Amino acid sequence: MHKHFNKSEFRFEIPKGGFFLWGETPGLKDSDSFVKFALQNEGVGVIAGKTFSPYPAKANEGAIRLSFAKVSPEEADEGCKRLKRALSKYMNLTQEGARTNE
């Protein structure tokens, strides 16, 4: 992950155990929309973090959860590349849309 993302793009800490990595994307306003976009456009599956919150309406929209339980290091590297592309494309599209609506 560190190889592919800087902290301004995707913030995360390497977990000490478990099967999931939690991260936050500054500026991401609709994680549900991004999850669909990432799967449809780059074939990478992530889950909106708010899905796991007891208060989804108050949850951080920029939080996403990734699983690394059943992937090889090579697959994880490819997944990171796809996630980076998806985030970049999605953020560019949403920023362009925001400028258009101003």
PDB file of N, CA and C in Angstrom:
ATOM      1  N   MET A   1       0.825  -1.190   0.000  1.00  0.00           N
ATOM      2  CA  MET A   1       0.000   0.000   0.000  1.00  0.00           C
ATOM      3  C   MET A   1       0.870   1.256   0.000  1.00  0.00           C
ATOM      4  N   HIS A   2       1.910   1.239   0.836  1.00  0.00           N
ATOM      5  CA  HIS A   2       2.784   2.427   0.888  1.00  0.00           C
ATOM      6  C   HIS A   2       3.447   2.690  -0.460  1.00  0.00           C
ATOM      7  N   LYS A   3       3.674   1.651  -1.219  1.00  0.00           N
ATOM      8  CA  LYS A   3       4.307   1.781  -2.534  1.00  0.00           C
ATOM      9  C   LYS A   3       3.391   2.532  -3.508  1.00  0.00           C
ATOM     10  N   HIS A   4       2.082   2.430  -3.304  1.00  0.00           N
ATOM     11  CA  HIS A   4       1.127   2.962  -4.262  1.00  0.00           C
ATOM     12  C   HIS A   4       0.436   4.260  -3.834  1.00  0.00           C
ATOM     13  N   PHE A   5       0.368   4.520  -2.536  1.00  0.00           N
ATOM     14  CA  PHE A   5      -0.405   5.668  -2.049  1.00  0.00           C
ATOM     15  C   PHE A   5       0.419   6.546  -1.127  1.00  0.00           C
ATOM     16  N   ASN A   6       0.209   7.862  -1.257  1.00  0.00           N
ATOM     17  CA  ASN A   6       0.748   8.757  -0.241  1.00  0.00           C
ATOM     18  C   ASN A   6      -0.415   9.147   0.677  1.00  0.00           C
ATOM     19  N   LYS A   7      -0.113   9.767   1.799  1.00  0.00           N
ATOM     20  CA  LYS A   7      -1.148  10.043   2.804  1.00  0.00           C
ATOM     21  C   LYS A   7      -2.208  11.037   2.348  1.00  0.00           C
ATOM     22  N   SER A   8      -1.922  11.819   1.330  1.00  0.00           N
ATOM     23  CA  SER A   8      -2.942  12.744   0.849  1.00  0.00           C
ATOM     24  C   SER A   8      -3.977  12.029  -0.014  1.00  0.00           C
ATOM     25  N   GLU A   9      -3.644  10.816  -0.487  1.00  0.00           N
ATOM     26  CA  GLU A   9      -4.557  10.045  -1.328  1.00  0.00           C
ATOM     27  C   GLU A   9      -5.358   9.022  -0.516  1.00  0.00           C
ATOM     28  N   PHE A  10      -4.670   8.309   0.353  1.00  0.00           N
ATOM     29  CA  PHE A  10      -5.295   7.221   1.106  1.00  0.00           C
ATOM     30  C   PHE A  10      -4.511   7.014   2.396  1.00  0.00           C
ATOM     31  N   ARG A  11      -5.165   7.250   3.520  1.00  0.00           N
ATOM     32  CA  ARG A  11      -4.518   7.096   4.829  1.00  0.00           C
ATOM     33  C   ARG A  11      -4.886   5.734   5.408  1.00  0.00           C
ATOM     34  N   PHE A  12      -3.896   5.044   5.946  1.00  0.00           N
ATOM     35  CA  PHE A  12      -4.138   3.730   6.543  1.00  0.00           C
ATOM     36  C   PHE A  12      -2.981   3.376   7.463  1.00  0.00           C
ATOM     37  N   GLU A  13      -3.236   2.397   8.313  1.00  0.00           N
ATOM     38  CA  GLU A  13      -2.192   1.818   9.144  1.00  0.00           C
ATOM     39  C   GLU A  13      -2.193   0.325   8.882  1.00  0.00           C
ATOM     40  N   ILE A  14      -1.013  -0.253   8.820  1.00  0.00           N
ATOM     41  CA  ILE A  14      -0.911  -1.690   8.601  1.00  0.00           C
ATOM     42  C   ILE A  14      -1.419  -2.386   9.867  1.00  0.00           C
ATOM     43  N   PRO A  15      -2.418  -3.263   9.720  1.00  0.00           N
ATOM     44  CA  PRO A  15      -2.966  -3.932  10.904  1.00  0.00           C
ATOM     45  C   PRO A  15      -1.975  -4.930  11.503  1.00  0.00           C
ATOM     46  N   LYS A  16      -2.069  -5.130  12.804  1.00  0.00           N
ATOM     47  CA  LYS A  16      -1.206  -6.091  13.480  1.00  0.00           C
ATOM     48  C   LYS A  16      -1.773  -7.512  13.375  1.00  0.00           C
ATOM     49  N   GLY A  17      -3.007  -7.625  12.910  1.00  0.00           N
ATOM     50  CA  GLY A  17      -3.641  -8.927  12.756  1.00  0.00           C
ATOM     51  C   GLY A  17      -4.959  -8.758  12.024  1.00  0.00           C
ATOM     52  N   GLY A  18      -5.624  -9.872  11.811  1.00  0.00           N
ATOM     53  CA  GLY A  18      -6.919  -9.823  11.148  1.00  0.00           C
ATOM     54  C   GLY A  18      -6.798 -10.008   9.654  1.00  0.00           C
ATOM     55  N   PHE A  19      -7.912  -9.744   8.982  1.00  0.00           N
ATOM     56  CA  PHE A  19      -7.990  -9.973   7.542  1.00  0.00           C
ATOM     57  C   PHE A  19      -8.318  -8.713   6.753  1.00  0.00           C
ATOM     58  N   PHE A  20      -8.413  -7.582   7.441  1.00  0.00           N
ATOM     59  CA  PHE A  20      -8.881  -6.363   6.784  1.00  0.00           C
ATOM     60  C   PHE A  20      -7.950  -5.196   7.042  1.00  0.00           C
ATOM     61  N   LEU A  21      -7.924  -4.314   6.077  1.00  0.00           N
ATOM     62  CA  LEU A  21      -7.208  -3.051   6.209  1.00  0.00           C
ATOM     63  C   LEU A  21      -8.251  -1.948   6.082  1.00  0.00           C
ATOM     64  N   TRP A  22      -8.230  -1.036   7.033  1.00  0.00           N
ATOM     65  CA  TRP A  22      -9.127   0.123   7.010  1.00  0.00           C
ATOM     66  C   TRP A  22      -8.338   1.323   6.527  1.00  0.00           C
ATOM     67  N   GLY A  23      -8.963   2.124   5.695  1.00  0.00           N
ATOM     68  CA  GLY A  23      -8.310   3.323   5.209  1.00  0.00           C
ATOM     69  C   GLY A  23      -9.300   4.458   5.039  1.00  0.00           C
ATOM     70  N   GLU A  24      -8.745   5.626   4.843  1.00  0.00           N
ATOM     71  CA  GLU A  24      -9.567   6.823   4.658  1.00  0.00           C
ATOM     72  C   GLU A  24      -9.037   7.616   3.476  1.00  0.00           C
ATOM     73  N   THR A  25      -9.943   8.028   2.636  1.00  0.00           N
ATOM     74  CA  THR A  25      -9.591   8.844   1.484  1.00  0.00           C
ATOM     75  C   THR A  25     -10.074  10.269   1.725  1.00  0.00           C
ATOM     76  N   PRO A  26      -9.150  11.192   1.968  1.00  0.00           N
ATOM     77  CA  PRO A  26      -9.563  12.580   2.174  1.00  0.00           C
ATOM     78  C   PRO A  26     -10.317  13.103   0.944  1.00  0.00           C
ATOM     79  N   GLY A  27     -11.429  13.742   1.180  1.00  0.00           N
ATOM     80  CA  GLY A  27     -12.194  14.332   0.089  1.00  0.00           C
ATOM     81  C   GLY A  27     -13.247  13.412  -0.508  1.00  0.00           C
ATOM     82  N   LEU A  28     -13.251  12.135  -0.139  1.00  0.00           N
ATOM     83  CA  LEU A  28     -14.270  11.221  -0.651  1.00  0.00           C
ATOM     84  C   LEU A  28     -15.588  11.520   0.057  1.00  0.00           C
ATOM     85  N   LYS A  29     -16.606  11.887  -0.717  1.00  0.00           N
ATOM     86  CA  LYS A  29     -17.881  12.331  -0.146  1.00  0.00           C
ATOM     87  C   LYS A  29     -18.983  11.274  -0.194  1.00  0.00           C
ATOM     88  N   ASP A  30     -18.820  10.240  -1.017  1.00  0.00           N
ATOM     89  CA  ASP A  30     -19.860   9.228  -1.164  1.00  0.00           C
ATOM     90  C   ASP A  30     -19.209   7.863  -1.363  1.00  0.00           C
ATOM     91  N   SER A  31     -18.930   7.187  -0.264  1.00  0.00           N
ATOM     92  CA  SER A  31     -18.215   5.915  -0.355  1.00  0.00           C
ATOM     93  C   SER A  31     -19.047   4.836  -1.035  1.00  0.00           C
ATOM     94  N   ASP A  32     -20.367   4.877  -0.887  1.00  0.00           N
ATOM     95  CA  ASP A  32     -21.212   3.891  -1.576  1.00  0.00           C
ATOM     96  C   ASP A  32     -21.054   4.010  -3.093  1.00  0.00           C
ATOM     97  N   SER A  33     -21.068   5.228  -3.582  1.00  0.00           N
ATOM     98  CA  SER A  33     -20.907   5.468  -5.011  1.00  0.00           C
ATOM     99  C   SER A  33     -19.511   5.035  -5.477  1.00  0.00           C
ATOM    100  N   PHE A  34     -18.495   5.337  -4.664  1.00  0.00           N
ATOM    101  CA  PHE A  34     -17.134   4.951  -5.034  1.00  0.00           C
ATOM    102  C   PHE A  34     -16.980   3.436  -5.099  1.00  0.00           C
ATOM    103  N   VAL A  35     -17.579   2.716  -4.151  1.00  0.00           N
ATOM    104  CA  VAL A  35     -17.479   1.256  -4.136  1.00  0.00           C
ATOM    105  C   VAL A  35     -17.990   0.676  -5.457  1.00  0.00           C
ATOM    106  N   LYS A  36     -19.124   1.161  -5.923  1.00  0.00           N
ATOM    107  CA  LYS A  36     -19.688   0.694  -7.198  1.00  0.00           C
ATOM    108  C   LYS A  36     -18.776   1.077  -8.357  1.00  0.00           C
ATOM    109  N   PHE A  37     -18.283   2.305  -8.343  1.00  0.00           N
ATOM    110  CA  PHE A  37     -17.399   2.800  -9.401  1.00  0.00           C
ATOM    111  C   PHE A  37     -16.135   1.940  -9.488  1.00  0.00           C
ATOM    112  N   ALA A  38     -15.520   1.658  -8.354  1.00  0.00           N
ATOM    113  CA  ALA A  38     -14.272   0.889  -8.337  1.00  0.00           C
ATOM    114  C   ALA A  38     -14.475  -0.506  -8.920  1.00  0.00           C
ATOM    115  N   LEU A  39     -15.574  -1.133  -8.572  1.00  0.00           N
ATOM    116  CA  LEU A  39     -15.845  -2.477  -9.082  1.00  0.00           C
ATOM    117  C   LEU A  39     -16.143  -2.448 -10.578  1.00  0.00           C
ATOM    118  N   GLN A  40     -16.970  -1.518 -11.005  1.00  0.00           N
ATOM    119  CA  GLN A  40     -17.355  -1.441 -12.413  1.00  0.00           C
ATOM    120  C   GLN A  40     -16.215  -0.986 -13.322  1.00  0.00           C
ATOM    121  N   ASN A  41     -15.385  -0.078 -12.854  1.00  0.00           N
ATOM    122  CA  ASN A  41     -14.373   0.521 -13.720  1.00  0.00           C
ATOM    123  C   ASN A  41     -12.989  -0.104 -13.624  1.00  0.00           C
ATOM    124  N   GLU A  42     -12.657  -0.663 -12.469  1.00  0.00           N
ATOM    125  CA  GLU A  42     -11.318  -1.231 -12.303  1.00  0.00           C
ATOM    126  C   GLU A  42     -11.340  -2.674 -11.813  1.00  0.00           C
ATOM    127  N   GLY A  43     -12.533  -3.212 -11.545  1.00  0.00           N
ATOM    128  CA  GLY A  43     -12.617  -4.596 -11.100  1.00  0.00           C
ATOM    129  C   GLY A  43     -12.011  -4.847  -9.733  1.00  0.00           C
ATOM    130  N   VAL A  44     -12.017  -3.824  -8.892  1.00  0.00           N
ATOM    131  CA  VAL A  44     -11.475  -3.973  -7.538  1.00  0.00           C
ATOM    132  C   VAL A  44     -12.616  -3.775  -6.543  1.00  0.00           C
ATOM    133  N   GLY A  45     -12.732  -4.713  -5.615  1.00  0.00           N
ATOM    134  CA  GLY A  45     -13.815  -4.665  -4.643  1.00  0.00           C
ATOM    135  C   GLY A  45     -13.353  -4.144  -3.292  1.00  0.00           C
ATOM    136  N   VAL A  46     -14.025  -3.139  -2.813  1.00  0.00           N
ATOM    137  CA  VAL A  46     -13.816  -2.598  -1.474  1.00  0.00           C
ATOM    138  C   VAL A  46     -15.205  -2.404  -0.865  1.00  0.00           C
ATOM    139  N   ILE A  47     -15.239  -2.167   0.426  1.00  0.00           N
ATOM    140  CA  ILE A  47     -16.516  -1.981   1.119  1.00  0.00           C
ATOM    141  C   ILE A  47     -16.508  -0.623   1.800  1.00  0.00           C
ATOM    142  N   ALA A  48     -17.630   0.083   1.688  1.00  0.00           N
ATOM    143  CA  ALA A  48     -17.762   1.369   2.384  1.00  0.00           C
ATOM    144  C   ALA A  48     -17.659   1.127   3.885  1.00  0.00           C
ATOM    145  N   GLY A  49     -16.823   1.881   4.547  1.00  0.00           N
ATOM    146  CA  GLY A  49     -16.616   1.711   5.985  1.00  0.00           C
ATOM    147  C   GLY A  49     -17.877   1.905   6.798  1.00  0.00           C
ATOM    148  N   LYS A  50     -18.752   2.772   6.338  1.00  0.00           N
ATOM    149  CA  LYS A  50     -19.965   3.054   7.105  1.00  0.00           C
ATOM    150  C   LYS A  50     -20.879   1.841   7.216  1.00  0.00           C
ATOM    151  N   THR A  51     -20.684   0.856   6.347  1.00  0.00           N
ATOM    152  CA  THR A  51     -21.454  -0.383   6.402  1.00  0.00           C
ATOM    153  C   THR A  51     -21.304  -1.059   7.761  1.00  0.00           C
ATOM    154  N   PHE A  52     -20.168  -0.849   8.408  1.00  0.00           N
ATOM    155  CA  PHE A  52     -19.867  -1.515   9.674  1.00  0.00           C
ATOM    156  C   PHE A  52     -20.085  -0.617  10.881  1.00  0.00           C
ATOM    157  N   SER A  53     -20.586   0.572  10.653  1.00  0.00           N
ATOM    158  CA  SER A  53     -20.815   1.521  11.746  1.00  0.00           C
ATOM    159  C   SER A  53     -22.204   1.319  12.350  1.00  0.00           C
ATOM    160  N   PRO A  54     -22.311   1.433  13.674  1.00  0.00           N
ATOM    161  CA  PRO A  54     -23.646   1.377  14.272  1.00  0.00           C
ATOM    162  C   PRO A  54     -24.463   2.632  13.949  1.00  0.00           C
ATOM    163  N   TYR A  55     -23.797   3.674  13.483  1.00  0.00           N
ATOM    164  CA  TYR A  55     -24.437   4.940  13.113  1.00  0.00           C
ATOM    165  C   TYR A  55     -23.998   5.348  11.710  1.00  0.00           C
ATOM    166  N   PRO A  56     -24.450   4.634  10.676  1.00  0.00           N
ATOM    167  CA  PRO A  56     -23.967   4.893   9.305  1.00  0.00           C
ATOM    168  C   PRO A  56     -24.174   6.325   8.833  1.00  0.00           C
ATOM    169  N   ALA A  57     -25.228   6.989   9.287  1.00  0.00           N
ATOM    170  CA  ALA A  57     -25.477   8.362   8.849  1.00  0.00           C
ATOM    171  C   ALA A  57     -24.412   9.322   9.381  1.00  0.00           C
ATOM    172  N   LYS A  58     -23.751   8.947  10.468  1.00  0.00           N
ATOM    173  CA  LYS A  58     -22.725   9.805  11.070  1.00  0.00           C
ATOM    174  C   LYS A  58     -21.303   9.325  10.750  1.00  0.00           C
ATOM    175  N   ALA A  59     -21.197   8.243  10.018  1.00  0.00           N
ATOM    176  CA  ALA A  59     -19.888   7.649   9.732  1.00  0.00           C
ATOM    177  C   ALA A  59     -19.094   8.481   8.735  1.00  0.00           C
ATOM    178  N   ASN A  60     -17.799   8.300   8.748  1.00  0.00           N
ATOM    179  CA  ASN A  60     -16.893   8.978   7.838  1.00  0.00           C
ATOM    180  C   ASN A  60     -17.091   8.444   6.424  1.00  0.00           C
ATOM    181  N   GLU A  61     -17.523   9.274   5.501  1.00  0.00           N
ATOM    182  CA  GLU A  61     -17.766   8.857   4.117  1.00  0.00           C
ATOM    183  C   GLU A  61     -16.494   8.452   3.394  1.00  0.00           C
ATOM    184  N   GLY A  62     -15.356   8.909   3.856  1.00  0.00           N
ATOM    185  CA  GLY A  62     -14.103   8.572   3.192  1.00  0.00           C
ATOM    186  C   GLY A  62     -13.505   7.249   3.621  1.00  0.00           C
ATOM    187  N   ALA A  63     -14.130   6.566   4.593  1.00  0.00           N
ATOM    188  CA  ALA A  63     -13.575   5.310   5.101  1.00  0.00           C
ATOM    189  C   ALA A  63     -13.980   4.134   4.220  1.00  0.00           C
ATOM    190  N   ILE A  64     -12.998   3.297   3.904  1.00  0.00           N
ATOM    191  CA  ILE A  64     -13.271   2.065   3.160  1.00  0.00           C
ATOM    192  C   ILE A  64     -12.495   0.917   3.808  1.00  0.00           C
ATOM    193  N   ARG A  65     -12.987  -0.288   3.583  1.00  0.00           N
ATOM    194  CA  ARG A  65     -12.360  -1.485   4.135  1.00  0.00           C
ATOM    195  C   ARG A  65     -11.957  -2.409   2.998  1.00  0.00           C
ATOM    196  N   LEU A  66     -10.745  -2.942   3.093  1.00  0.00           N
ATOM    197  CA  LEU A  66     -10.225  -3.864   2.091  1.00  0.00           C
ATOM    198  C   LEU A  66      -9.883  -5.178   2.771  1.00  0.00           C
ATOM    199  N   SER A  67     -10.114  -6.273   2.096  1.00  0.00           N
ATOM    200  CA  SER A  67      -9.739  -7.583   2.607  1.00  0.00           C
ATOM    201  C   SER A  67      -8.464  -8.036   1.911  1.00  0.00           C
ATOM    202  N   PHE A  68      -7.581  -8.635   2.687  1.00  0.00           N
ATOM    203  CA  PHE A  68      -6.378  -9.202   2.094  1.00  0.00           C
ATOM    204  C   PHE A  68      -6.234 -10.674   2.498  1.00  0.00           C
ATOM    205  N   ALA A  69      -7.355 -11.279   2.887  1.00  0.00           N
ATOM    206  CA  ALA A  69      -7.336 -12.638   3.425  1.00  0.00           C
ATOM    207  C   ALA A  69      -6.966 -13.704   2.408  1.00  0.00           C
ATOM    208  N   LYS A  70      -7.403 -13.575   1.180  1.00  0.00           N
ATOM    209  CA  LYS A  70      -7.206 -14.661   0.214  1.00  0.00           C
ATOM    210  C   LYS A  70      -6.484 -14.211  -1.050  1.00  0.00           C
ATOM    211  N   VAL A  71      -5.542 -13.308  -0.905  1.00  0.00           N
ATOM    212  CA  VAL A  71      -4.821 -12.853  -2.091  1.00  0.00           C
ATOM    213  C   VAL A  71      -3.319 -13.049  -1.899  1.00  0.00           C
ATOM    214  N   SER A  72      -2.657 -13.351  -2.979  1.00  0.00           N
ATOM    215  CA  SER A  72      -1.203 -13.473  -2.965  1.00  0.00           C
ATOM    216  C   SER A  72      -0.600 -12.069  -2.948  1.00  0.00           C
ATOM    217  N   PRO A  73       0.674 -11.946  -2.640  1.00  0.00           N
ATOM    218  CA  PRO A  73       1.321 -10.625  -2.707  1.00  0.00           C
ATOM    219  C   PRO A  73       1.193  -9.981  -4.087  1.00  0.00           C
ATOM    220  N   GLU A  74       1.265 -10.798  -5.135  1.00  0.00           N
ATOM    221  CA  GLU A  74       1.134 -10.273  -6.501  1.00  0.00           C
ATOM    222  C   GLU A  74      -0.283  -9.754  -6.756  1.00  0.00           C
ATOM    223  N   GLU A  75      -1.280 -10.486  -6.274  1.00  0.00           N
ATOM    224  CA  GLU A  75      -2.664 -10.044  -6.423  1.00  0.00           C
ATOM    225  C   GLU A  75      -2.927  -8.784  -5.601  1.00  0.00           C
ATOM    226  N   ALA A  76      -2.339  -8.709  -4.425  1.00  0.00           N
ATOM    227  CA  ALA A  76      -2.493  -7.518  -3.589  1.00  0.00           C
ATOM    228  C   ALA A  76      -1.879  -6.300  -4.282  1.00  0.00           C
ATOM    229  N   ASP A  77      -0.726  -6.490  -4.902  1.00  0.00           N
ATOM    230  CA  ASP A  77      -0.074  -5.397  -5.626  1.00  0.00           C
ATOM    231  C   ASP A  77      -0.956  -4.925  -6.782  1.00  0.00           C
ATOM    232  N   GLU A  78      -1.509  -5.858  -7.544  1.00  0.00           N
ATOM    233  CA  GLU A  78      -2.397  -5.509  -8.650  1.00  0.00           C
ATOM    234  C   GLU A  78      -3.660  -4.814  -8.118  1.00  0.00           C
ATOM    235  N   GLY A  79      -4.191  -5.288  -7.008  1.00  0.00           N
ATOM    236  CA  GLY A  79      -5.361  -4.654  -6.404  1.00  0.00           C
ATOM    237  C   GLY A  79      -5.078  -3.227  -5.989  1.00  0.00           C
ATOM    238  N   CYS A  80      -3.889  -2.981  -5.452  1.00  0.00           N
ATOM    239  CA  CYS A  80      -3.501  -1.616  -5.073  1.00  0.00           C
ATOM    240  C   CYS A  80      -3.426  -0.709  -6.295  1.00  0.00           C
ATOM    241  N   LYS A  81      -2.869  -1.223  -7.375  1.00  0.00           N
ATOM    242  CA  LYS A  81      -2.792  -0.435  -8.610  1.00  0.00           C
ATOM    243  C   LYS A  81      -4.189  -0.070  -9.103  1.00  0.00           C
ATOM    244  N   ARG A  82      -5.087  -1.057  -9.078  1.00  0.00           N
ATOM    245  CA  ARG A  82      -6.460  -0.809  -9.527  1.00  0.00           C
ATOM    246  C   ARG A  82      -7.186   0.163  -8.606  1.00  0.00           C
ATOM    247  N   LEU A  83      -6.986   0.005  -7.302  1.00  0.00           N
ATOM    248  CA  LEU A  83      -7.623   0.915  -6.351  1.00  0.00           C
ATOM    249  C   LEU A  83      -7.125   2.337  -6.568  1.00  0.00           C
ATOM    250  N   LYS A  84      -5.846   2.498  -6.783  1.00  0.00           N
ATOM    251  CA  LYS A  84      -5.294   3.835  -7.038  1.00  0.00           C
ATOM    252  C   LYS A  84      -5.906   4.446  -8.298  1.00  0.00           C
ATOM    253  N   ARG A  85      -5.989   3.658  -9.365  1.00  0.00           N
ATOM    254  CA  ARG A  85      -6.605   4.161 -10.602  1.00  0.00           C
ATOM    255  C   ARG A  85      -8.063   4.532 -10.368  1.00  0.00           C
ATOM    256  N   ALA A  86      -8.789   3.672  -9.663  1.00  0.00           N
ATOM    257  CA  ALA A  86     -10.201   3.940  -9.392  1.00  0.00           C
ATOM    258  C   ALA A  86     -10.369   5.215  -8.578  1.00  0.00           C
ATOM    259  N   LEU A  87      -9.571   5.381  -7.533  1.00  0.00           N
ATOM    260  CA  LEU A  87      -9.663   6.595  -6.714  1.00  0.00           C
ATOM    261  C   LEU A  87      -9.345   7.839  -7.526  1.00  0.00           C
ATOM    262  N   SER A  88      -8.301   7.754  -8.315  1.00  0.00           N
ATOM    263  CA  SER A  88      -7.901   8.903  -9.130  1.00  0.00           C
ATOM    264  C   SER A  88      -9.004   9.291 -10.115  1.00  0.00           C
ATOM    265  N   LYS A  89      -9.524   8.297 -10.835  1.00  0.00           N
ATOM    266  CA  LYS A  89     -10.595   8.568 -11.802  1.00  0.00           C
ATOM    267  C   LYS A  89     -11.839   9.111 -11.116  1.00  0.00           C
ATOM    268  N   TYR A  90     -12.233   8.475 -10.021  1.00  0.00           N
ATOM    269  CA  TYR A  90     -13.457   8.868  -9.325  1.00  0.00           C
ATOM    270  C   TYR A  90     -13.332  10.294  -8.768  1.00  0.00           C
ATOM    271  N   MET A  91     -12.210  10.577  -8.140  1.00  0.00           N
ATOM    272  CA  MET A  91     -12.028  11.915  -7.558  1.00  0.00           C
ATOM    273  C   MET A  91     -12.015  12.969  -8.665  1.00  0.00           C
ATOM    274  N   ASN A  92     -11.382  12.681  -9.798  1.00  0.00           N
ATOM    275  CA  ASN A  92     -11.384  13.629 -10.919  1.00  0.00           C
ATOM    276  C   ASN A  92     -12.793  13.858 -11.438  1.00  0.00           C
ATOM    277  N   LEU A  93     -13.559  12.795 -11.589  1.00  0.00           N
ATOM    278  CA  LEU A  93     -14.946  12.920 -12.072  1.00  0.00           C
ATOM    279  C   LEU A  93     -15.809  13.715 -11.105  1.00  0.00           C
ATOM    280  N   THR A  94     -15.688  13.425  -9.815  1.00  0.00           N
ATOM    281  CA  THR A  94     -16.537  14.126  -8.845  1.00  0.00           C
ATOM    282  C   THR A  94     -16.115  15.583  -8.697  1.00  0.00           C
ATOM    283  N   GLN A  95     -14.833  15.864  -8.808  1.00  0.00           N
ATOM    284  CA  GLN A  95     -14.382  17.261  -8.754  1.00  0.00           C
ATOM    285  C   GLN A  95     -14.826  18.026  -9.974  1.00  0.00           C
ATOM    286  N   GLU A  96     -14.769  17.391 -11.138  1.00  0.00           N
ATOM    287  CA  GLU A  96     -15.244  18.046 -12.365  1.00  0.00           C
ATOM    288  C   GLU A  96     -16.748  18.319 -12.271  1.00  0.00           C
ATOM    289  N   GLY A  97     -17.493  17.357 -11.745  1.00  0.00           N
ATOM    290  CA  GLY A  97     -18.928  17.515 -11.571  1.00  0.00           C
ATOM    291  C   GLY A  97     -19.261  18.639 -10.614  1.00  0.00           C
ATOM    292  N   ALA A  98     -18.483  18.773  -9.562  1.00  0.00           N
ATOM    293  CA  ALA A  98     -18.707  19.845  -8.598  1.00  0.00           C
ATOM    294  C   ALA A  98     -18.449  21.208  -9.233  1.00  0.00           C
ATOM    295  N   ARG A  99     -17.398  21.276 -10.070  1.00  0.00           N
ATOM    296  CA  ARG A  99     -17.098  22.547 -10.733  1.00  0.00           C
ATOM    297  C   ARG A  99     -18.191  22.888 -11.736  1.00  0.00           C
ATOM    298  N   THR A 100     -18.748  21.892 -12.410  1.00  0.00           N
ATOM    299  CA  THR A 100     -19.798  22.103 -13.390  1.00  0.00           C
ATOM    300  C   THR A 100     -21.077  22.641 -12.715  1.00  0.00           C
ATOM    301  N   ASN A 101     -21.318  22.174 -11.493  1.00  0.00           N
ATOM    302  CA  ASN A 101     -22.534  22.572 -10.770  1.00  0.00           C
ATOM    303  C   ASN A 101     -22.408  23.910 -10.055  1.00  0.00           C
ATOM    304  N   GLU A 102     -21.239  24.510 -10.078  1.00  0.00           N
ATOM    305  CA  GLU A 102     -21.049  25.792  -9.375  1.00  0.00           C
ATOM    306  C   GLU A 102     -21.682  26.945 -10.128  1.00  0.00           C
TER     307      GLU A 102
END
